[in-house]
Every structure is written in C-alpha cells, then in structure tokens.
C-alpha atoms as a PDB file:
ATOM      1  CA  MET A   1      98.612  59.717  79.193  1.00  0.00           C
ATOM      2  CA  ALA A   2      96.644  60.814  81.974  1.00  0.00           C
ATOM      3  CA  ARG A   3      94.523  63.765  81.714  1.00  0.00           C
ATOM      4  CA  ILE A   4      95.286  66.666  84.269  1.00  0.00           C
ATOM      5  CA  ASP A   5      92.123  68.622  85.527  1.00  0.00           C
ATOM      6  CA  TRP A   6      93.197  72.200  86.204  1.00  0.00           C
ATOM      7  CA  SER A   7      89.898  73.526  87.147  1.00  0.00           C
ATOM      8  CA  ILE A   8      89.284  74.884  90.589  1.00  0.00           C
ATOM      9  CA  ASP A   9      86.091  74.189  92.374  1.00  0.00           C
ATOM     10  CA  ALA A  10      84.407  76.050  95.304  1.00  0.00           C
ATOM     11  CA  GLU A  11      85.874  73.870  97.922  1.00  0.00           C
ATOM     12  CA  ASP A  12      89.297  74.589  96.864  1.00  0.00           C
ATOM     13  CA  ILE A  13      88.662  78.384  96.821  1.00  0.00           C
ATOM     14  CA  ILE A  14      86.992  78.354 100.372  1.00  0.00           C
ATOM     15  CA  LYS A  15      89.993  76.284 101.724  1.00  0.00           C
ATOM     16  CA  ARG A  16      92.523  78.791 100.264  1.00  0.00           C
ATOM     17  CA  VAL A  17      90.570  81.783 101.497  1.00  0.00           C
ATOM     18  CA  ARG A  18      90.521  80.107 104.989  1.00  0.00           C
ATOM     19  CA  GLU A  19      94.452  79.416 104.896  1.00  0.00           C
ATOM     20  CA  THR A  20      95.387  82.555 103.424  1.00  0.00           C
ATOM     21  CA  TYR A  21      93.185  85.366 105.049  1.00  0.00           C
ATOM     22  CA  GLY A  22      91.618  83.348 107.892  1.00  0.00           C
ATOM     23  CA  ALA A  23      88.106  84.258 106.692  1.00  0.00           C
ATOM     24  CA  SER A  24      85.248  81.756 106.310  1.00  0.00           C
ATOM     25  CA  ILE A  25      83.116  82.075 103.164  1.00  0.00           C
ATOM     26  CA  THR A  26      80.359  79.867 101.679  1.00  0.00           C
ATOM     27  CA  GLU A  27      79.770  78.598  98.328  1.00  0.00           C
ATOM     28  CA  ASP A  28      77.367  81.246  97.588  1.00  0.00           C
ATOM     29  CA  GLN A  29      80.127  83.933  97.944  1.00  0.00           C
ATOM     30  CA  VAL A  30      82.395  82.304  95.244  1.00  0.00           C
ATOM     31  CA  VAL A  31      82.082  83.495  91.711  1.00  0.00           C
ATOM     32  CA  LYS A  32      84.040  82.934  88.553  1.00  0.00           C
ATOM     33  CA  ALA A  33      84.641  84.500  85.199  1.00  0.00           C
ATOM     34  CA  LEU A  34      86.616  83.036  82.343  1.00  0.00           C
ATOM     35  CA  GLY A  35      87.482  84.681  78.950  1.00  0.00           C
ATOM     36  CA  TYR A  36      88.062  82.416  75.775  1.00  0.00           C
ATOM     37  CA  GLU A  37      89.143  82.942  72.270  1.00  0.00           C
ATOM     38  CA  TYR A  38      90.823  86.234  72.993  1.00  0.00           C
ATOM     39  CA  ARG A  39      93.407  87.138  70.340  1.00  0.00           C
ATOM     40  CA  ILE A  40      95.926  88.028  72.753  1.00  0.00           C
ATOM     41  CA  SER A  41      99.561  86.919  73.501  1.00  0.00           C
ATOM     42  CA  TRP A  42      99.379  84.253  76.126  1.00  0.00           C
ATOM     43  CA  LYS A  43     102.799  85.175  77.465  1.00  0.00           C
ATOM     44  CA  LYS A  44     101.617  88.808  78.125  1.00  0.00           C
ATOM     45  CA  ALA A  45      98.289  87.216  79.406  1.00  0.00           C
ATOM     46  CA  VAL A  46     100.220  85.154  82.012  1.00  0.00           C
ATOM     47  CA  GLU A  47     102.135  88.207  83.236  1.00  0.00           C
ATOM     48  CA  VAL A  48      99.234  90.476  83.582  1.00  0.00           C
ATOM     49  CA  ALA A  49      97.366  87.680  85.490  1.00  0.00           C
ATOM     50  CA  ARG A  50     100.191  87.176  87.830  1.00  0.00           C
ATOM     51  CA  PHE A  51     100.365  90.809  88.583  1.00  0.00           C
ATOM     52  CA  ILE A  52      96.700  91.567  89.191  1.00  0.00           C
ATOM     53  CA  ARG A  53      96.150  88.386  91.065  1.00  0.00           C
ATOM     54  CA  GLY A  54      98.476  89.511  93.917  1.00  0.00           C
ATOM     55  CA  GLY A  55      96.642  91.867  96.071  1.00  0.00           C
ATOM     56  CA  PHE A  56      94.150  93.739  93.896  1.00  0.00           C
ATOM     57  CA  THR A  57      90.434  94.165  94.376  1.00  0.00           C
ATOM     58  CA  ILE A  58      88.251  94.396  91.291  1.00  0.00           C
ATOM     59  CA  LYS A  59      88.081  98.194  91.390  1.00  0.00           C
ATOM     60  CA  GLN A  60      91.833  98.457  91.988  1.00  0.00           C
ATOM     61  CA  ALA A  61      92.457  95.958  89.136  1.00  0.00           C
ATOM     62  CA  GLU A  62      90.245  97.905  86.686  1.00  0.00           C
ATOM     63  CA  GLU A  63      91.896 101.145  87.613  1.00  0.00           C
ATOM     64  CA  TYR A  64      95.324  99.792  87.039  1.00  0.00           C
ATOM     65  CA  LEU A  65      94.425  98.157  83.721  1.00  0.00           C
ATOM     66  CA  ASN A  66      92.871 101.295  82.533  1.00  0.00           C
ATOM     67  CA  ASN A  67      96.207 102.982  83.377  1.00  0.00           C
ATOM     68  CA  VAL A  68      97.881 100.404  81.409  1.00  0.00           C
ATOM     69  CA  ILE A  69      95.599 101.019  78.445  1.00  0.00           C
ATOM     70  CA  LYS A  70      96.316 104.956  78.769  1.00  0.00           C
ATOM     71  CA  MET A  71     100.228 103.969  79.013  1.00  0.00           C
ATOM     72  CA  LYS A  72     100.542 105.503  82.420  1.00  0.00           C
ATOM     73  CA  ALA A  73     101.459 102.372  84.266  1.00  0.00           C
ATOM     74  CA  PRO A  74     103.430  99.315  83.110  1.00  0.00           C
ATOM     75  CA  ILE A  75     103.167  95.651  84.040  1.00  0.00           C
ATOM     76  CA  PRO A  76     106.323  94.032  85.301  1.00  0.00           C
ATOM     77  CA  ILE A  77     107.525  91.207  83.225  1.00  0.00           C
ATOM     78  CA  ARG A  78     109.116  88.403  85.330  1.00  0.00           C
ATOM     79  CA  ARG A  79     109.111  85.271  83.432  1.00  0.00           C
ATOM     80  CA  PHE A  80     109.286  85.832  79.758  1.00  0.00           C
ATOM     81  CA  THR A  81     112.479  88.310  79.709  1.00  0.00           C
ATOM     82  CA  LYS A  82     114.537  87.235  76.947  1.00  0.00           C
ATOM     83  CA  LYS A  83     115.504  89.799  74.480  1.00  0.00           C
ATOM     84  CA  GLN A  84     113.368  92.364  75.994  1.00  0.00           C
ATOM     85  CA  ALA A  85     114.154  96.115  76.390  1.00  0.00           C
ATOM     86  CA  HIS A  86     114.691  97.364  79.875  1.00  0.00           C
ATOM     87  CA  HIS A  87     112.505 100.195  81.129  1.00  0.00           C
ATOM     88  CA  THR A  88     112.301 102.575  84.108  1.00  0.00           C
ATOM     89  CA  THR A  89     109.849 101.042  86.461  1.00  0.00           C
ATOM     90  CA  PRO A  90     108.175 102.378  89.630  1.00  0.00           C
ATOM     91  CA  TRP A  91     109.529  99.364  91.678  1.00  0.00           C
ATOM     92  CA  GLU A  92     112.725  97.961  92.310  1.00  0.00           C
ATOM     93  CA  GLY A  93     114.140  94.481  91.119  1.00  0.00           C
ATOM     94  CA  TRP A  94     112.290  93.999  87.925  1.00  0.00           C
ATOM     95  CA  PRO A  95     113.784  96.154  85.044  1.00  0.00           C
ATOM     96  CA  VAL A  96     111.572  94.686  82.327  1.00  0.00           C
ATOM     97  CA  ALA A  97     108.150  96.184  81.972  1.00  0.00           C
ATOM     98  CA  LYS A  98     105.638  96.418  79.161  1.00  0.00           C
ATOM     99  CA  TRP A  99     102.293  98.097  78.468  1.00  0.00           C
ATOM    100  CA  PRO A 100     100.100  95.182  76.945  1.00  0.00           C
ATOM    101  CA  VAL A 101      97.193  97.185  75.843  1.00  0.00           C
ATOM    102  CA  ARG A 102      95.183  94.394  74.100  1.00  0.00           C
ATOM    103  CA  VAL A 103      95.706  91.981  76.951  1.00  0.00           C
ATOM    104  CA  ALA A 104      94.587  94.838  79.615  1.00  0.00           C
ATOM    105  CA  LYS A 105      91.437  95.346  77.471  1.00  0.00           C
ATOM    106  CA  ALA A 106      90.624  91.622  77.509  1.00  0.00           C
ATOM    107  CA  TYR A 107      91.053  91.437  81.207  1.00  0.00           C
ATOM    108  CA  LEU A 108      88.933  94.430  81.646  1.00  0.00           C
ATOM    109  CA  GLU A 109      86.187  92.568  79.995  1.00  0.00           C
ATOM    110  CA  VAL A 110      86.637  89.465  82.159  1.00  0.00           C
ATOM    111  CA  LEU A 111      86.687  91.575  85.233  1.00  0.00           C
ATOM    112  CA  LYS A 112      83.299  93.406  84.456  1.00  0.00           C
ATOM    113  CA  ASN A 113      81.904  89.863  83.681  1.00  0.00           C
ATOM    114  CA  LEU A 114      83.235  88.729  87.137  1.00  0.00           C
ATOM    115  CA  GLU A 115      81.599  91.766  88.753  1.00  0.00           C
ATOM    116  CA  ASN A 116      78.318  91.094  86.979  1.00  0.00           C
ATOM    117  CA  ASN A 117      78.499  87.506  88.053  1.00  0.00           C
ATOM    118  CA  ALA A 118      78.798  88.584  91.641  1.00  0.00           C
ATOM    119  CA  ASN A 119      76.063  91.015  91.310  1.00  0.00           C
ATOM    120  CA  TYR A 120      73.841  88.513  89.866  1.00  0.00           C
ATOM    121  CA  ARG A 121      74.589  86.011  92.598  1.00  0.00           C
ATOM    122  CA  GLY A 122      74.040  88.678  95.371  1.00  0.00           C
ATOM    123  CA  SER A 123      77.815  88.850  96.606  1.00  0.00           C
ATOM    124  CA  GLN A 124      79.497  92.091  97.244  1.00  0.00           C
ATOM    125  CA  CYS A 125      82.704  92.902  95.470  1.00  0.00           C
END
C-alpha cells in the first residue's frame, strides 16, 4: 500500500496564499506549529480546527477560544452530529454546537507556539 504524505511545504502555502488572497509572500514569512500527544477528542479537534481555520487571525482565534473556555461562545459542529443535543447558536443553519474546553486549551497552546515561531523568525502576526 502506498504511503500518502499529508505534510504541506512552504511552496504549497505560498501558492495557496497567492490564489486565495492575491498576495505574494516569501518562505521567510511562513511559519508552522504542531501539537502532538494531546489527550483530546480528535472529532472535537477537527471541528475546532475547521472553525478557526476559516477567517480568524491569531489574536481573533485566541480571543474566541478563550470565550469557548469561559463557556461564552460555542463551536459549531458540522460533521459529527449524530446523537448530539441541539443548542441555541448565534448563527443560522447549524443547530448543533458544543463547548470543547480541553480542545480549546490545546489549540491555545498551539497558537501561542505559532506566534512565538513567527516572532523568532521575524515575521509579523
């Protein structure tokens, strides 16, 4: 069976930024951060990642995840919705929402690591 390489290199990121935003960046402006061995639900982690990946800056994502930890803002559950309770949500179209506190804490650590990596390389967040 062939092994699939899911890693994204800097060239792919540069190409995606050019296609999506029309901006040109260099390899010096690309930073990555990964979190391994967290004891969190992978299904909830997928939902949180899809939500914050959309259109948040690092500061906005940190603020929203802090609100999730304080149980003030929910995360929409889009894929793993079977046997889930429906909650009142501030958006239309997604009646299932959760407050994954452990996942939010783990993602906050990864975002802080990403910000530190960017500061170390000299990029602006």
